[in-house]
Amino acid sequence: MLIKNYSIRFFLLIGALLIVAISFAQTRKPVAQKPASNKPAQQKQVVNVPLKLKPLWGNHPGGNMLVADGVNYADSALRVIDDKGNRYPVISFKFIYKRKSSYTDDQTGVVKNGWDAVATDVTGDTILSEVWRNSIKESLQKDEEWTIDYIMVKDKSGRKVMATPMNFKFK
C-alpha cells in the first residue's frame, strides 16, 4: 500500500519521529547528583544600613537665622557629616532662594509685592558662585528663605547617596 498524498506522509513521518523522541527521553539514565554536604552554604551578607547624614552650611544646620548672619554665611561651603563626624564629599546640590520681589502693574501703575524663587545647580563644588554670593549679600531681607536640596554625596564604598534637605528662614 503506497500513500500518494504527501501531506499525509509528512504527518506520519512527524508522528514517527515524535514517538522515537519520547521513547528515547524515557530511557535516559538520570544524572547523578552530588551528595549534599552537611555544611550550610556561607553567603556574604550585605548589610545596607542607611547613613545618618547631616548637611551643614558652614557650621549651621539650618532653621531660623538673622539676616546679618545669612549675609556672613553666603560665603560658606556646604559640608555633609554623619553621626560619627565623618565627612562625605559633596558631588552636587541645588540652592533655591525664595526672595521678595516687587513689580509695577502695567495697567494700574501700582507697585505690587510678591515672591520670586531662583535656583542654581552646583556641581563639583561646595560653595555658590561669586555672582550668587554677591547677590545674596546685597539683597537678603527678612522673611526670605534658602533651601538646599538634592544634596548628593559619595559614601565610603563609592556609591552616590542623597542627604536630607536643609532650610533657612531669615528673621
C-alpha atoms as a PDB file:
ATOM      1  CA  MET A   1       0.000   0.000   0.000  1.00  0.00           C
ATOM      2  CA  LEU A   2       1.562   3.195  -1.188  1.00  0.00           C
ATOM      3  CA  ILE A   3       0.402   6.559   0.201  1.00  0.00           C
ATOM      4  CA  LYS A   4       0.243   9.133  -2.558  1.00  0.00           C
ATOM      5  CA  ASN A   5      -0.927  12.171  -0.604  1.00  0.00           C
ATOM      6  CA  TYR A   6       2.253  13.969   0.527  1.00  0.00           C
ATOM      7  CA  SER A   7       0.623  15.822   3.425  1.00  0.00           C
ATOM      8  CA  ILE A   8      -0.427  12.512   4.994  1.00  0.00           C
ATOM      9  CA  ARG A   9       3.138  11.193   4.531  1.00  0.00           C
ATOM     10  CA  PHE A  10       4.501  14.300   6.232  1.00  0.00           C
ATOM     11  CA  PHE A  11       2.235  13.903   9.285  1.00  0.00           C
ATOM     12  CA  LEU A  12       3.059  10.192   9.563  1.00  0.00           C
ATOM     13  CA  LEU A  13       6.797  10.980   9.460  1.00  0.00           C
ATOM     14  CA  ILE A  14       6.441  13.659  12.169  1.00  0.00           C
ATOM     15  CA  GLY A  15       4.393  11.263  14.324  1.00  0.00           C
ATOM     16  CA  ALA A  16       7.029   8.523  13.998  1.00  0.00           C
ATOM     17  CA  LEU A  17       9.812  10.937  14.944  1.00  0.00           C
ATOM     18  CA  LEU A  18       7.800  12.119  17.933  1.00  0.00           C
ATOM     19  CA  ILE A  19       7.296   8.543  19.165  1.00  0.00           C
ATOM     20  CA  VAL A  20      11.047   7.830  18.851  1.00  0.00           C
ATOM     21  CA  ALA A  21      11.945  11.052  20.734  1.00  0.00           C
ATOM     22  CA  ILE A  22       9.532  10.242  23.582  1.00  0.00           C
ATOM     23  CA  SER A  23      10.841   6.716  23.960  1.00  0.00           C
ATOM     24  CA  PHE A  24      14.461   7.974  23.931  1.00  0.00           C
ATOM     25  CA  ALA A  25      13.686  10.562  26.626  1.00  0.00           C
ATOM     26  CA  GLN A  26      12.146   7.912  28.865  1.00  0.00           C
ATOM     27  CA  THR A  27      15.095   5.504  28.597  1.00  0.00           C
ATOM     28  CA  ARG A  28      17.824   8.034  29.543  1.00  0.00           C
ATOM     29  CA  LYS A  29      19.535   7.490  32.863  1.00  0.00           C
ATOM     30  CA  PRO A  30      19.197  10.282  35.402  1.00  0.00           C
ATOM     31  CA  VAL A  31      22.292  12.357  36.026  1.00  0.00           C
ATOM     32  CA  ALA A  32      23.975  11.523  39.310  1.00  0.00           C
ATOM     33  CA  GLN A  33      23.696  14.339  41.816  1.00  0.00           C
ATOM     34  CA  LYS A  34      26.408  15.330  44.208  1.00  0.00           C
ATOM     35  CA  PRO A  35      25.792  14.267  47.771  1.00  0.00           C
ATOM     36  CA  ALA A  36      24.560  17.070  49.955  1.00  0.00           C
ATOM     37  CA  SER A  37      27.165  18.454  52.306  1.00  0.00           C
ATOM     38  CA  ASN A  38      26.410  18.922  55.958  1.00  0.00           C
ATOM     39  CA  LYS A  39      27.789  22.477  55.957  1.00  0.00           C
ATOM     40  CA  PRO A  40      25.362  25.291  55.206  1.00  0.00           C
ATOM     41  CA  ALA A  41      26.452  27.426  52.308  1.00  0.00           C
ATOM     42  CA  GLN A  42      28.165  30.524  53.620  1.00  0.00           C
ATOM     43  CA  GLN A  43      26.829  33.625  51.985  1.00  0.00           C
ATOM     44  CA  LYS A  44      28.289  37.039  52.356  1.00  0.00           C
ATOM     45  CA  GLN A  45      25.604  39.135  53.944  1.00  0.00           C
ATOM     46  CA  VAL A  46      25.344  42.657  52.653  1.00  0.00           C
ATOM     47  CA  VAL A  47      24.240  45.000  55.370  1.00  0.00           C
ATOM     48  CA  ASN A  48      22.583  48.037  53.865  1.00  0.00           C
ATOM     49  CA  VAL A  49      22.289  50.352  56.827  1.00  0.00           C
ATOM     50  CA  PRO A  50      21.094  53.830  55.834  1.00  0.00           C
ATOM     51  CA  LEU A  51      23.559  56.557  56.635  1.00  0.00           C
ATOM     52  CA  LYS A  52      22.515  59.270  59.061  1.00  0.00           C
ATOM     53  CA  LEU A  53      23.833  62.229  57.115  1.00  0.00           C
ATOM     54  CA  LYS A  54      23.667  65.771  58.400  1.00  0.00           C
ATOM     55  CA  PRO A  55      24.242  68.666  55.988  1.00  0.00           C
ATOM     56  CA  LEU A  56      25.730  71.891  57.321  1.00  0.00           C
ATOM     57  CA  TRP A  57      26.040  75.267  55.627  1.00  0.00           C
ATOM     58  CA  GLY A  58      29.260  76.470  57.180  1.00  0.00           C
ATOM     59  CA  ASN A  59      28.620  75.238  60.722  1.00  0.00           C
ATOM     60  CA  HIS A  60      24.881  75.921  60.646  1.00  0.00           C
ATOM     61  CA  PRO A  61      22.391  73.011  60.393  1.00  0.00           C
ATOM     62  CA  GLY A  62      19.512  75.144  59.082  1.00  0.00           C
ATOM     63  CA  GLY A  63      16.468  76.675  60.713  1.00  0.00           C
ATOM     64  CA  ASN A  64      15.948  80.301  61.679  1.00  0.00           C
ATOM     65  CA  MET A  65      18.775  82.762  61.157  1.00  0.00           C
ATOM     66  CA  LEU A  66      19.265  86.504  61.379  1.00  0.00           C
ATOM     67  CA  VAL A  67      19.666  88.387  58.100  1.00  0.00           C
ATOM     68  CA  ALA A  68      23.112  89.631  59.179  1.00  0.00           C
ATOM     69  CA  ASP A  69      24.209  86.040  59.814  1.00  0.00           C
ATOM     70  CA  GLY A  70      22.822  84.989  56.433  1.00  0.00           C
ATOM     71  CA  VAL A  71      24.934  87.627  54.724  1.00  0.00           C
ATOM     72  CA  ASN A  72      28.002  86.252  56.515  1.00  0.00           C
ATOM     73  CA  TYR A  73      27.083  82.649  55.672  1.00  0.00           C
ATOM     74  CA  ALA A  74      26.712  83.438  51.949  1.00  0.00           C
ATOM     75  CA  ASP A  75      30.426  82.698  51.513  1.00  0.00           C
ATOM     76  CA  SER A  76      30.226  79.418  53.428  1.00  0.00           C
ATOM     77  CA  ALA A  77      30.567  75.956  51.964  1.00  0.00           C
ATOM     78  CA  LEU A  78      28.201  73.018  52.160  1.00  0.00           C
ATOM     79  CA  ARG A  79      29.541  70.034  54.022  1.00  0.00           C
ATOM     80  CA  VAL A  80      27.937  66.746  54.968  1.00  0.00           C
ATOM     81  CA  ILE A  81      28.857  64.655  58.004  1.00  0.00           C
ATOM     82  CA  ASP A  82      27.449  61.513  59.588  1.00  0.00           C
ATOM     83  CA  ASP A  83      26.547  60.905  63.224  1.00  0.00           C
ATOM     84  CA  LYS A  84      30.190  59.995  63.999  1.00  0.00           C
ATOM     85  CA  GLY A  85      31.566  63.208  62.488  1.00  0.00           C
ATOM     86  CA  ASN A  86      32.943  61.577  59.314  1.00  0.00           C
ATOM     87  CA  ARG A  87      32.893  63.935  56.359  1.00  0.00           C
ATOM     88  CA  TYR A  88      31.477  62.925  52.963  1.00  0.00           C
ATOM     89  CA  PRO A  89      32.491  64.541  49.655  1.00  0.00           C
ATOM     90  CA  VAL A  90      29.680  66.581  48.078  1.00  0.00           C
ATOM     91  CA  ILE A  91      29.025  65.784  44.426  1.00  0.00           C
ATOM     92  CA  SER A  92      26.213  68.249  43.749  1.00  0.00           C
ATOM     93  CA  PHE A  93      23.317  70.180  45.275  1.00  0.00           C
ATOM     94  CA  LYS A  94      20.555  72.633  44.368  1.00  0.00           C
ATOM     95  CA  PHE A  95      20.373  76.028  46.056  1.00  0.00           C
ATOM     96  CA  ILE A  96      16.897  77.618  45.995  1.00  0.00           C
ATOM     97  CA  TYR A  97      16.429  81.220  47.098  1.00  0.00           C
ATOM     98  CA  LYS A  98      12.864  82.398  47.780  1.00  0.00           C
ATOM     99  CA  ARG A  99      13.056  86.155  47.800  1.00  0.00           C
ATOM    100  CA  LYS A 100      10.754  89.137  47.960  1.00  0.00           C
ATOM    101  CA  SER A 101      10.055  90.833  44.689  1.00  0.00           C
ATOM    102  CA  SER A 102       8.085  93.809  43.537  1.00  0.00           C
ATOM    103  CA  TYR A 103       6.803  94.916  40.162  1.00  0.00           C
ATOM    104  CA  THR A 104       4.689  97.667  38.713  1.00  0.00           C
ATOM    105  CA  ASP A 105       1.333  96.641  37.282  1.00  0.00           C
ATOM    106  CA  ASP A 106       1.249  97.982  33.699  1.00  0.00           C
ATOM    107  CA  GLN A 107      -2.488  98.615  33.714  1.00  0.00           C
ATOM    108  CA  THR A 108      -2.876 100.325  37.102  1.00  0.00           C
ATOM    109  CA  GLY A 109       0.644 101.630  37.702  1.00  0.00           C
ATOM    110  CA  VAL A 110       0.515 100.232  41.258  1.00  0.00           C
ATOM    111  CA  VAL A 111       3.623  98.614  42.722  1.00  0.00           C
ATOM    112  CA  LYS A 112       2.812  95.090  43.877  1.00  0.00           C
ATOM    113  CA  ASN A 113       4.861  92.855  46.123  1.00  0.00           C
ATOM    114  CA  GLY A 114       5.241  89.122  45.735  1.00  0.00           C
ATOM    115  CA  TRP A 115       7.672  86.264  45.918  1.00  0.00           C
ATOM    116  CA  ASP A 116      10.202  85.024  43.428  1.00  0.00           C
ATOM    117  CA  ALA A 117      12.141  81.771  43.564  1.00  0.00           C
ATOM    118  CA  VAL A 118      15.503  81.472  41.867  1.00  0.00           C
ATOM    119  CA  ALA A 119      17.687  78.393  41.907  1.00  0.00           C
ATOM    120  CA  THR A 120      21.070  77.157  40.817  1.00  0.00           C
ATOM    121  CA  ASP A 121      22.581  73.703  40.485  1.00  0.00           C
ATOM    122  CA  VAL A 122      26.052  73.405  41.947  1.00  0.00           C
ATOM    123  CA  THR A 123      28.154  70.505  40.694  1.00  0.00           C
ATOM    124  CA  GLY A 124      31.720  69.676  41.641  1.00  0.00           C
ATOM    125  CA  ASP A 125      31.926  72.437  44.244  1.00  0.00           C
ATOM    126  CA  THR A 126      30.668  73.143  47.755  1.00  0.00           C
ATOM    127  CA  ILE A 127      30.234  76.919  47.541  1.00  0.00           C
ATOM    128  CA  LEU A 128      27.986  79.153  45.485  1.00  0.00           C
ATOM    129  CA  SER A 129      29.388  81.083  42.554  1.00  0.00           C
ATOM    130  CA  GLU A 130      30.655  84.592  43.199  1.00  0.00           C
ATOM    131  CA  VAL A 131      27.657  86.084  41.382  1.00  0.00           C
ATOM    132  CA  TRP A 132      25.236  84.251  43.687  1.00  0.00           C
ATOM    133  CA  ARG A 133      27.174  85.146  46.834  1.00  0.00           C
ATOM    134  CA  ASN A 134      27.285  88.835  45.900  1.00  0.00           C
ATOM    135  CA  SER A 135      23.589  88.867  45.023  1.00  0.00           C
ATOM    136  CA  ILE A 136      22.700  87.373  48.405  1.00  0.00           C
ATOM    137  CA  LYS A 137      24.913  89.831  50.264  1.00  0.00           C
ATOM    138  CA  GLU A 138      23.287  92.793  48.502  1.00  0.00           C
ATOM    139  CA  SER A 139      19.648  91.777  48.681  1.00  0.00           C
ATOM    140  CA  LEU A 140      18.933  89.351  51.558  1.00  0.00           C
ATOM    141  CA  GLN A 141      15.872  90.500  53.553  1.00  0.00           C
ATOM    142  CA  LYS A 142      13.719  89.429  56.456  1.00  0.00           C
ATOM    143  CA  ASP A 143      11.267  86.536  55.771  1.00  0.00           C
ATOM    144  CA  GLU A 144      13.231  85.268  52.768  1.00  0.00           C
ATOM    145  CA  GLU A 145      14.265  81.614  52.623  1.00  0.00           C
ATOM    146  CA  TRP A 146      17.028  79.366  51.376  1.00  0.00           C
ATOM    147  CA  THR A 147      16.536  75.695  50.616  1.00  0.00           C
ATOM    148  CA  ILE A 148      19.457  73.421  49.902  1.00  0.00           C
ATOM    149  CA  ASP A 149      18.109  70.256  48.342  1.00  0.00           C
ATOM    150  CA  TYR A 150      19.105  67.276  46.204  1.00  0.00           C
ATOM    151  CA  ILE A 151      22.371  67.035  48.119  1.00  0.00           C
ATOM    152  CA  MET A 152      24.327  64.183  46.541  1.00  0.00           C
ATOM    153  CA  VAL A 153      27.400  62.802  48.317  1.00  0.00           C
ATOM    154  CA  LYS A 154      29.684  59.825  47.818  1.00  0.00           C
ATOM    155  CA  ASP A 155      29.860  57.243  50.611  1.00  0.00           C
ATOM    156  CA  LYS A 156      32.940  55.240  51.615  1.00  0.00           C
ATOM    157  CA  SER A 157      32.217  52.472  49.095  1.00  0.00           C
ATOM    158  CA  GLY A 158      31.873  54.982  46.245  1.00  0.00           C
ATOM    159  CA  ARG A 159      28.080  54.886  45.964  1.00  0.00           C
ATOM    160  CA  LYS A 160      26.087  58.070  45.476  1.00  0.00           C
ATOM    161  CA  VAL A 161      23.850  58.827  48.432  1.00  0.00           C
ATOM    162  CA  MET A 162      21.356  61.650  48.908  1.00  0.00           C
ATOM    163  CA  ALA A 163      21.369  63.685  52.123  1.00  0.00           C
ATOM    164  CA  THR A 164      18.330  65.341  53.665  1.00  0.00           C
ATOM    165  CA  PRO A 165      17.489  68.875  52.514  1.00  0.00           C
ATOM    166  CA  MET A 166      18.027  71.879  54.733  1.00  0.00           C
ATOM    167  CA  ASN A 167      16.058  75.112  55.042  1.00  0.00           C
ATOM    168  CA  PHE A 168      16.889  78.572  56.344  1.00  0.00           C
ATOM    169  CA  LYS A 169      14.331  81.232  57.210  1.00  0.00           C
ATOM    170  CA  PHE A 170      15.613  84.742  57.876  1.00  0.00           C
ATOM    171  CA  LYS A 171      14.340  86.885  60.742  1.00  0.00           C
END
